Amino acid sequence: MSQFHALPHTATFLEAREPRKALLSRLTTALTVARTRRALAQMDAASLADIGLSSAQVRTEMRRPFWDIAPQCVR
């Protein structure tokens, strides 16, 4: 299994119907994002180039707080 994880998707309808599940889902997603960002920070330049990222992009990503999640990751 890869050390990098795909981001889980959160259904927005959960927020209205089941707020506890929605909160847990968002928290799980935020922790996954934080883990993924730490993994990116540990990658060397060649590995980053393989996945199409630059060191500058990774530094920018690392500056973001763990709760700052791209909208496409939260559905």
C-alpha atoms as a PDB file:
ATOM      1  CA  MET A   1       0.000   0.000   0.000  1.00  0.00           C
ATOM      2  CA  SER A   2       1.222   3.470  -0.823  1.00  0.00           C
ATOM      3  CA  GLN A   3       2.253   5.839   1.931  1.00  0.00           C
ATOM      4  CA  PHE A   4       0.133   8.489   0.215  1.00  0.00           C
ATOM      5  CA  HIS A   5      -3.599   8.434   0.675  1.00  0.00           C
ATOM      6  CA  ALA A   6      -6.445   9.491  -1.553  1.00  0.00           C
ATOM      7  CA  LEU A   7      -8.663  12.114  -0.014  1.00  0.00           C
ATOM      8  CA  PRO A   8     -12.061  10.926   1.173  1.00  0.00           C
ATOM      9  CA  HIS A   9     -15.067  12.758  -0.191  1.00  0.00           C
ATOM     10  CA  THR A  10     -17.663  14.259   2.093  1.00  0.00           C
ATOM     11  CA  ALA A  11     -21.270  14.480   1.003  1.00  0.00           C
ATOM     12  CA  THR A  12     -22.752  17.907   1.749  1.00  0.00           C
ATOM     13  CA  PHE A  13     -26.190  16.462   2.398  1.00  0.00           C
ATOM     14  CA  LEU A  14     -24.775  14.919   5.576  1.00  0.00           C
ATOM     15  CA  GLU A  15     -24.438  18.360   7.142  1.00  0.00           C
ATOM     16  CA  ALA A  16     -28.175  18.934   7.232  1.00  0.00           C
ATOM     17  CA  ARG A  17     -29.249  15.390   7.995  1.00  0.00           C
ATOM     18  CA  GLU A  18     -26.510  14.137  10.279  1.00  0.00           C
ATOM     19  CA  PRO A  19     -24.356  16.958  11.671  1.00  0.00           C
ATOM     20  CA  ARG A  20     -22.190  14.671  13.830  1.00  0.00           C
ATOM     21  CA  LYS A  21     -21.325  12.431  10.905  1.00  0.00           C
ATOM     22  CA  ALA A  22     -20.631  15.475   8.730  1.00  0.00           C
ATOM     23  CA  LEU A  23     -18.304  16.928  11.366  1.00  0.00           C
ATOM     24  CA  LEU A  24     -16.499  13.613  11.769  1.00  0.00           C
ATOM     25  CA  SER A  25     -16.168  13.298   7.999  1.00  0.00           C
ATOM     26  CA  ARG A  26     -14.720  16.818   7.693  1.00  0.00           C
ATOM     27  CA  LEU A  27     -12.304  16.168  10.538  1.00  0.00           C
ATOM     28  CA  THR A  28     -11.188  12.906   8.941  1.00  0.00           C
ATOM     29  CA  THR A  29     -10.655  14.714   5.640  1.00  0.00           C
ATOM     30  CA  ALA A  30      -8.682  17.519   7.341  1.00  0.00           C
ATOM     31  CA  LEU A  31      -6.411  15.004   9.097  1.00  0.00           C
ATOM     32  CA  THR A  32      -5.869  13.137   5.827  1.00  0.00           C
ATOM     33  CA  VAL A  33      -4.944  16.407   4.127  1.00  0.00           C
ATOM     34  CA  ALA A  34      -2.477  17.210   6.917  1.00  0.00           C
ATOM     35  CA  ARG A  35      -0.887  13.745   6.607  1.00  0.00           C
ATOM     36  CA  THR A  36      -0.652  14.083   2.829  1.00  0.00           C
ATOM     37  CA  ARG A  37       0.962  17.518   3.101  1.00  0.00           C
ATOM     38  CA  ARG A  38       3.571  16.162   5.548  1.00  0.00           C
ATOM     39  CA  ALA A  39       4.306  13.304   3.144  1.00  0.00           C
ATOM     40  CA  LEU A  40       4.764  15.784   0.282  1.00  0.00           C
ATOM     41  CA  ALA A  41       7.218  17.785   2.390  1.00  0.00           C
ATOM     42  CA  GLN A  42       9.383  14.683   2.815  1.00  0.00           C
ATOM     43  CA  MET A  43       9.615  13.901  -0.899  1.00  0.00           C
ATOM     44  CA  ASP A  44      12.754  14.721  -2.869  1.00  0.00           C
ATOM     45  CA  ALA A  45      12.755  16.898  -6.002  1.00  0.00           C
ATOM     46  CA  ALA A  46      12.788  13.916  -8.377  1.00  0.00           C
ATOM     47  CA  SER A  47       9.726  12.367  -6.737  1.00  0.00           C
ATOM     48  CA  LEU A  48       7.911  15.696  -6.787  1.00  0.00           C
ATOM     49  CA  ALA A  49       8.743  16.100 -10.479  1.00  0.00           C
ATOM     50  CA  ASP A  50       7.285  12.627 -11.114  1.00  0.00           C
ATOM     51  CA  ILE A  51       3.938  13.758  -9.758  1.00  0.00           C
ATOM     52  CA  GLY A  52       4.117  17.173 -11.424  1.00  0.00           C
ATOM     53  CA  LEU A  53       4.848  19.362  -8.403  1.00  0.00           C
ATOM     54  CA  SER A  54       7.647  21.803  -7.695  1.00  0.00           C
ATOM     55  CA  SER A  55       9.283  22.481  -4.350  1.00  0.00           C
ATOM     56  CA  ALA A  56       7.677  25.928  -4.373  1.00  0.00           C
ATOM     57  CA  GLN A  57       4.213  24.410  -4.772  1.00  0.00           C
ATOM     58  CA  VAL A  58       4.867  22.059  -1.862  1.00  0.00           C
ATOM     59  CA  ARG A  59       6.062  24.952   0.330  1.00  0.00           C
ATOM     60  CA  THR A  60       2.879  26.861  -0.512  1.00  0.00           C
ATOM     61  CA  GLU A  61       0.779  23.815   0.350  1.00  0.00           C
ATOM     62  CA  MET A  62       2.634  23.327   3.638  1.00  0.00           C
ATOM     63  CA  ARG A  63       1.831  26.896   4.728  1.00  0.00           C
ATOM     64  CA  ARG A  64      -1.885  26.205   4.553  1.00  0.00           C
ATOM     65  CA  PRO A  65      -3.615  25.228   7.811  1.00  0.00           C
ATOM     66  CA  PHE A  66      -4.875  21.655   8.032  1.00  0.00           C
ATOM     67  CA  TRP A  67      -8.494  22.786   7.888  1.00  0.00           C
ATOM     68  CA  ASP A  68      -7.907  24.657   4.603  1.00  0.00           C
ATOM     69  CA  ILE A  69      -9.112  22.017   2.178  1.00  0.00           C
ATOM     70  CA  ALA A  70      -9.618  22.368  -1.562  1.00  0.00           C
ATOM     71  CA  PRO A  71     -13.345  22.521  -2.414  1.00  0.00           C
ATOM     72  CA  GLN A  72     -13.126  19.512  -4.731  1.00  0.00           C
ATOM     73  CA  CYS A  73     -12.100  17.383  -1.726  1.00  0.00           C
ATOM     74  CA  VAL A  74     -15.244  18.250   0.212  1.00  0.00           C
ATOM     75  CA  ARG A  75     -18.463  17.242  -1.486  1.00  0.00           C
END
